Amino acid sequence: MTDTAAFTFTADRGPCIVYASSTGDAITLVDHMPVSDARERAICRALLVHALALLDDDATEGAR
């Protein structure tokens, strides 16, 4: 595995939230359309919840 980006995105529409499938064969802009596969949707949801928790934790730490 390398650290080279396999996909390139431009910010022509502004910021976006991107989900790369666990199989590596699909990229979804989840703030524009939902992930269609039920398993991938569950993984995406868990990642989003985790990311929000990290943001909340960081905001809490910064407020101290």
PDB file of N, CA and C in Angstrom:
ATOM      1  N   MET A   1       0.840  -1.176   0.000  1.00  0.00           N
ATOM      2  CA  MET A   1       0.000   0.000   0.000  1.00  0.00           C
ATOM      3  C   MET A   1       0.885   1.239   0.000  1.00  0.00           C
ATOM      4  N   THR A   2       0.518   2.231  -0.770  1.00  0.00           N
ATOM      5  CA  THR A   2       1.304   3.453  -0.831  1.00  0.00           C
ATOM      6  C   THR A   2       0.511   4.607  -0.248  1.00  0.00           C
ATOM      7  N   ASP A   3       1.170   5.711  -0.021  1.00  0.00           N
ATOM      8  CA  ASP A   3       0.518   6.913   0.494  1.00  0.00           C
ATOM      9  C   ASP A   3       0.114   7.860  -0.626  1.00  0.00           C
ATOM     10  N   THR A   4       0.076   7.381  -1.847  1.00  0.00           N
ATOM     11  CA  THR A   4      -0.289   8.196  -2.984  1.00  0.00           C
ATOM     12  C   THR A   4      -1.798   8.214  -3.155  1.00  0.00           C
ATOM     13  N   ALA A   5      -2.350   9.380  -3.422  1.00  0.00           N
ATOM     14  CA  ALA A   5      -3.797   9.497  -3.605  1.00  0.00           C
ATOM     15  C   ALA A   5      -4.235   8.776  -4.869  1.00  0.00           C
ATOM     16  N   ALA A   6      -5.284   7.969  -4.737  1.00  0.00           N
ATOM     17  CA  ALA A   6      -5.822   7.254  -5.887  1.00  0.00           C
ATOM     18  C   ALA A   6      -6.873   8.087  -6.607  1.00  0.00           C
ATOM     19  N   PHE A   7      -7.424   9.064  -5.915  1.00  0.00           N
ATOM     20  CA  PHE A   7      -8.455   9.918  -6.484  1.00  0.00           C
ATOM     21  C   PHE A   7      -8.104  11.366  -6.215  1.00  0.00           C
ATOM     22  N   THR A   8      -8.509  12.222  -7.110  1.00  0.00           N
ATOM     23  CA  THR A   8      -8.293  13.650  -6.936  1.00  0.00           C
ATOM     24  C   THR A   8      -9.641  14.352  -6.983  1.00  0.00           C
ATOM     25  N   PHE A   9      -9.876  15.225  -6.027  1.00  0.00           N
ATOM     26  CA  PHE A   9     -11.113  15.990  -5.978  1.00  0.00           C
ATOM     27  C   PHE A   9     -10.775  17.464  -6.045  1.00  0.00           C
ATOM     28  N   THR A  10     -11.631  18.214  -6.693  1.00  0.00           N
ATOM     29  CA  THR A  10     -11.463  19.658  -6.714  1.00  0.00           C
ATOM     30  C   THR A  10     -12.565  20.285  -5.875  1.00  0.00           C
ATOM     31  N   ALA A  11     -12.310  21.452  -5.374  1.00  0.00           N
ATOM     32  CA  ALA A  11     -13.274  22.136  -4.519  1.00  0.00           C
ATOM     33  C   ALA A  11     -14.114  23.124  -5.318  1.00  0.00           C
ATOM     34  N   ASP A  12     -14.449  22.764  -6.548  1.00  0.00           N
ATOM     35  CA  ASP A  12     -15.214  23.690  -7.381  1.00  0.00           C
ATOM     36  C   ASP A  12     -16.623  23.933  -6.848  1.00  0.00           C
ATOM     37  N   ARG A  13     -17.142  23.011  -6.029  1.00  0.00           N
ATOM     38  CA  ARG A  13     -18.454  23.192  -5.411  1.00  0.00           C
ATOM     39  C   ARG A  13     -18.325  23.489  -3.925  1.00  0.00           C
ATOM     40  N   GLY A  14     -17.137  23.762  -3.478  1.00  0.00           N
ATOM     41  CA  GLY A  14     -16.922  24.012  -2.061  1.00  0.00           C
ATOM     42  C   GLY A  14     -16.537  22.750  -1.329  1.00  0.00           C
ATOM     43  N   PRO A  15     -16.564  22.786  -0.001  1.00  0.00           N
ATOM     44  CA  PRO A  15     -16.199  21.613   0.788  1.00  0.00           C
ATOM     45  C   PRO A  15     -17.161  20.454   0.520  1.00  0.00           C
ATOM     46  N   CYS A  16     -16.676  19.233   0.731  1.00  0.00           N
ATOM     47  CA  CYS A  16     -17.527  18.061   0.551  1.00  0.00           C
ATOM     48  C   CYS A  16     -17.101  16.973   1.526  1.00  0.00           C
ATOM     49  N   ILE A  17     -18.001  16.028   1.746  1.00  0.00           N
ATOM     50  CA  ILE A  17     -17.713  14.866   2.580  1.00  0.00           C
ATOM     51  C   ILE A  17     -17.695  13.662   1.653  1.00  0.00           C
ATOM     52  N   VAL A  18     -16.552  12.986   1.601  1.00  0.00           N
ATOM     53  CA  VAL A  18     -16.349  11.892   0.656  1.00  0.00           C
ATOM     54  C   VAL A  18     -16.219  10.579   1.423  1.00  0.00           C
ATOM     55  N   TYR A  19     -16.910   9.542   0.940  1.00  0.00           N
ATOM     56  CA  TYR A  19     -16.791   8.199   1.511  1.00  0.00           C
ATOM     57  C   TYR A  19     -16.225   7.280   0.439  1.00  0.00           C
ATOM     58  N   ALA A  20     -15.103   6.634   0.760  1.00  0.00           N
ATOM     59  CA  ALA A  20     -14.517   5.628  -0.119  1.00  0.00           C
ATOM     60  C   ALA A  20     -14.931   4.272   0.417  1.00  0.00           C
ATOM     61  N   SER A  21     -15.543   3.458  -0.415  1.00  0.00           N
ATOM     62  CA  SER A  21     -16.070   2.164   0.026  1.00  0.00           C
ATOM     63  C   SER A  21     -14.968   1.271   0.584  1.00  0.00           C
ATOM     64  N   SER A  22     -15.378   0.343   1.425  1.00  0.00           N
ATOM     65  CA  SER A  22     -14.410  -0.571   2.037  1.00  0.00           C
ATOM     66  C   SER A  22     -13.774  -1.493   1.013  1.00  0.00           C
ATOM     67  N   THR A  23     -14.432  -1.670  -0.121  1.00  0.00           N
ATOM     68  CA  THR A  23     -13.871  -2.506  -1.192  1.00  0.00           C
ATOM     69  C   THR A  23     -12.975  -1.707  -2.130  1.00  0.00           C
ATOM     70  N   GLY A  24     -13.000  -0.383  -1.988  1.00  0.00           N
ATOM     71  CA  GLY A  24     -12.149   0.467  -2.803  1.00  0.00           C
ATOM     72  C   GLY A  24     -12.646   0.684  -4.223  1.00  0.00           C
ATOM     73  N   ASP A  25     -13.874   0.276  -4.511  1.00  0.00           N
ATOM     74  CA  ASP A  25     -14.354   0.409  -5.889  1.00  0.00           C
ATOM     75  C   ASP A  25     -15.381   1.521  -6.079  1.00  0.00           C
ATOM     76  N   ALA A  26     -15.676   2.288  -5.029  1.00  0.00           N
ATOM     77  CA  ALA A  26     -16.661   3.360  -5.166  1.00  0.00           C
ATOM     78  C   ALA A  26     -16.292   4.535  -4.269  1.00  0.00           C
ATOM     79  N   ILE A  27     -16.546   5.702  -4.795  1.00  0.00           N
ATOM     80  CA  ILE A  27     -16.389   6.956  -4.059  1.00  0.00           C
ATOM     81  C   ILE A  27     -17.737   7.653  -4.106  1.00  0.00           C
ATOM     82  N   THR A  28     -18.231   8.086  -2.944  1.00  0.00           N
ATOM     83  CA  THR A  28     -19.520   8.764  -2.883  1.00  0.00           C
ATOM     84  C   THR A  28     -19.359  10.093  -2.171  1.00  0.00           C
ATOM     85  N   LEU A  29     -19.882  11.151  -2.763  1.00  0.00           N
ATOM     86  CA  LEU A  29     -19.943  12.437  -2.088  1.00  0.00           C
ATOM     87  C   LEU A  29     -21.185  12.386  -1.204  1.00  0.00           C
ATOM     88  N   VAL A  30     -21.021  11.977   0.053  1.00  0.00           N
ATOM     89  CA  VAL A  30     -22.154  11.677   0.908  1.00  0.00           C
ATOM     90  C   VAL A  30     -22.959  12.903   1.321  1.00  0.00           C
ATOM     91  N   ASP A  31     -22.438  14.089   1.100  1.00  0.00           N
ATOM     92  CA  ASP A  31     -23.244  15.270   1.369  1.00  0.00           C
ATOM     93  C   ASP A  31     -24.087  15.650   0.149  1.00  0.00           C
ATOM     94  N   HIS A  32     -23.975  14.889  -0.943  1.00  0.00           N
ATOM     95  CA  HIS A  32     -24.780  15.111  -2.144  1.00  0.00           C
ATOM     96  C   HIS A  32     -25.723  13.956  -2.430  1.00  0.00           C
ATOM     97  N   MET A  33     -25.318  12.738  -2.048  1.00  0.00           N
ATOM     98  CA  MET A  33     -26.153  11.555  -2.276  1.00  0.00           C
ATOM     99  C   MET A  33     -25.793  10.473  -1.264  1.00  0.00           C
ATOM    100  N   PRO A  34     -26.748   9.621  -0.913  1.00  0.00           N
ATOM    101  CA  PRO A  34     -26.458   8.590   0.078  1.00  0.00           C
ATOM    102  C   PRO A  34     -25.667   7.424  -0.515  1.00  0.00           C
ATOM    103  N   VAL A  35     -24.971   6.731   0.361  1.00  0.00           N
ATOM    104  CA  VAL A  35     -24.306   5.482  -0.016  1.00  0.00           C
ATOM    105  C   VAL A  35     -25.415   4.454  -0.209  1.00  0.00           C
ATOM    106  N   SER A  36     -25.394   3.699  -1.306  1.00  0.00           N
ATOM    107  CA  SER A  36     -26.527   2.835  -1.640  1.00  0.00           C
ATOM    108  C   SER A  36     -26.499   1.463  -0.958  1.00  0.00           C
ATOM    109  N   ASP A  37     -25.346   0.860  -0.790  1.00  0.00           N
ATOM    110  CA  ASP A  37     -25.248  -0.467  -0.194  1.00  0.00           C
ATOM    111  C   ASP A  37     -25.457  -0.385   1.321  1.00  0.00           C
ATOM    112  N   ALA A  38     -26.271  -1.276   1.888  1.00  0.00           N
ATOM    113  CA  ALA A  38     -26.603  -1.226   3.315  1.00  0.00           C
ATOM    114  C   ALA A  38     -25.366  -1.362   4.206  1.00  0.00           C
ATOM    115  N   ARG A  39     -24.469  -2.266   3.869  1.00  0.00           N
ATOM    116  CA  ARG A  39     -23.252  -2.441   4.679  1.00  0.00           C
ATOM    117  C   ARG A  39     -22.379  -1.200   4.614  1.00  0.00           C
ATOM    118  N   GLU A  40     -22.185  -0.681   3.418  1.00  0.00           N
ATOM    119  CA  GLU A  40     -21.370   0.524   3.248  1.00  0.00           C
ATOM    120  C   GLU A  40     -22.019   1.723   3.934  1.00  0.00           C
ATOM    121  N   ARG A  41     -23.351   1.793   3.897  1.00  0.00           N
ATOM    122  CA  ARG A  41     -24.069   2.880   4.563  1.00  0.00           C
ATOM    123  C   ARG A  41     -23.829   2.816   6.072  1.00  0.00           C
ATOM    124  N   ALA A  42     -23.838   1.615   6.649  1.00  0.00           N
ATOM    125  CA  ALA A  42     -23.583   1.453   8.081  1.00  0.00           C
ATOM    126  C   ALA A  42     -22.157   1.875   8.440  1.00  0.00           C
ATOM    127  N   ILE A  43     -21.209   1.509   7.613  1.00  0.00           N
ATOM    128  CA  ILE A  43     -19.815   1.904   7.848  1.00  0.00           C
ATOM    129  C   ILE A  43     -19.685   3.416   7.735  1.00  0.00           C
ATOM    130  N   CYS A  44     -20.282   3.989   6.718  1.00  0.00           N
ATOM    131  CA  CYS A  44     -20.230   5.438   6.511  1.00  0.00           C
ATOM    132  C   CYS A  44     -20.846   6.165   7.706  1.00  0.00           C
ATOM    133  N   ARG A  45     -22.003   5.694   8.166  1.00  0.00           N
ATOM    134  CA  ARG A  45     -22.672   6.309   9.309  1.00  0.00           C
ATOM    135  C   ARG A  45     -21.769   6.255  10.552  1.00  0.00           C
ATOM    136  N   ALA A  46     -21.144   5.111  10.801  1.00  0.00           N
ATOM    137  CA  ALA A  46     -20.258   4.968  11.957  1.00  0.00           C
ATOM    138  C   ALA A  46     -19.075   5.930  11.862  1.00  0.00           C
ATOM    139  N   LEU A  47     -18.518   6.079  10.669  1.00  0.00           N
ATOM    140  CA  LEU A  47     -17.403   7.009  10.484  1.00  0.00           C
ATOM    141  C   LEU A  47     -17.830   8.454  10.721  1.00  0.00           C
ATOM    142  N   LEU A  48     -19.025   8.810  10.244  1.00  0.00           N
ATOM    143  CA  LEU A  48     -19.527  10.168  10.457  1.00  0.00           C
ATOM    144  C   LEU A  48     -19.776  10.446  11.937  1.00  0.00           C
ATOM    145  N   VAL A  49     -20.365   9.488  12.641  1.00  0.00           N
ATOM    146  CA  VAL A  49     -20.606   9.640  14.076  1.00  0.00           C
ATOM    147  C   VAL A  49     -19.272   9.792  14.815  1.00  0.00           C
ATOM    148  N   HIS A  50     -18.292   8.985  14.430  1.00  0.00           N
ATOM    149  CA  HIS A  50     -16.964   9.072  15.047  1.00  0.00           C
ATOM    150  C   HIS A  50     -16.339  10.444  14.781  1.00  0.00           C
ATOM    151  N   ALA A  51     -16.433  10.926  13.556  1.00  0.00           N
ATOM    152  CA  ALA A  51     -15.865  12.236  13.209  1.00  0.00           C
ATOM    153  C   ALA A  51     -16.547  13.349  14.004  1.00  0.00           C
ATOM    154  N   LEU A  52     -17.858  13.262  14.152  1.00  0.00           N
ATOM    155  CA  LEU A  52     -18.568  14.272  14.941  1.00  0.00           C
ATOM    156  C   LEU A  52     -18.148  14.224  16.407  1.00  0.00           C
ATOM    157  N   ALA A  53     -17.947  13.034  16.937  1.00  0.00           N
ATOM    158  CA  ALA A  53     -17.488  12.905  18.326  1.00  0.00           C
ATOM    159  C   ALA A  53     -16.105  13.536  18.488  1.00  0.00           C
ATOM    160  N   LEU A  54     -15.226  13.330  17.509  1.00  0.00           N
ATOM    161  CA  LEU A  54     -13.903  13.950  17.566  1.00  0.00           C
ATOM    162  C   LEU A  54     -14.009  15.469  17.552  1.00  0.00           C
ATOM    163  N   LEU A  55     -14.894  16.001  16.722  1.00  0.00           N
ATOM    164  CA  LEU A  55     -15.097  17.455  16.675  1.00  0.00           C
ATOM    165  C   LEU A  55     -15.634  17.972  18.004  1.00  0.00           C
ATOM    166  N   ASP A  56     -16.611  17.255  18.567  1.00  0.00           N
ATOM    167  CA  ASP A  56     -17.175  17.658  19.855  1.00  0.00           C
ATOM    168  C   ASP A  56     -16.124  17.597  20.959  1.00  0.00           C
ATOM    169  N   ASP A  57     -15.325  16.536  20.983  1.00  0.00           N
ATOM    170  CA  ASP A  57     -14.274  16.405  21.987  1.00  0.00           C
ATOM    171  C   ASP A  57     -13.262  17.536  21.870  1.00  0.00           C
ATOM    172  N   ASP A  58     -12.895  17.881  20.640  1.00  0.00           N
ATOM    173  CA  ASP A  58     -11.938  18.950  20.416  1.00  0.00           C
ATOM    174  C   ASP A  58     -12.514  20.280  20.865  1.00  0.00           C
ATOM    175  N   ALA A  59     -13.795  20.526  20.592  1.00  0.00           N
ATOM    176  CA  ALA A  59     -14.425  21.765  21.008  1.00  0.00           C
ATOM    177  C   ALA A  59     -14.495  21.843  22.534  1.00  0.00           C
ATOM    178  N   THR A  60     -14.744  20.718  23.185  1.00  0.00           N
ATOM    179  CA  THR A  60     -14.799  20.665  24.633  1.00  0.00           C
ATOM    180  C   THR A  60     -13.423  20.943  25.234  1.00  0.00           C
ATOM    181  N   GLU A  61     -12.404  20.355  24.648  1.00  0.00           N
ATOM    182  CA  GLU A  61     -11.031  20.580  25.123  1.00  0.00           C
ATOM    183  C   GLU A  61     -10.636  22.038  24.945  1.00  0.00           C
ATOM    184  N   GLY A  62     -11.026  22.646  23.826  1.00  0.00           N
ATOM    185  CA  GLY A  62     -10.683  24.047  23.565  1.00  0.00           C
ATOM    186  C   GLY A  62     -11.394  25.011  24.479  1.00  0.00           C
ATOM    187  N   ALA A  63     -12.534  24.624  25.012  1.00  0.00           N
ATOM    188  CA  ALA A  63     -13.322  25.509  25.876  1.00  0.00           C
ATOM    189  C   ALA A  63     -12.791  25.530  27.305  1.00  0.00           C
ATOM    190  N   ARG A  64     -11.935  24.591  27.645  1.00  0.00           N
ATOM    191  CA  ARG A  64     -11.412  24.521  29.022  1.00  0.00           C
ATOM    192  C   ARG A  64     -10.360  25.538  29.305  1.00  0.00           C
TER     193      ARG A  64
END
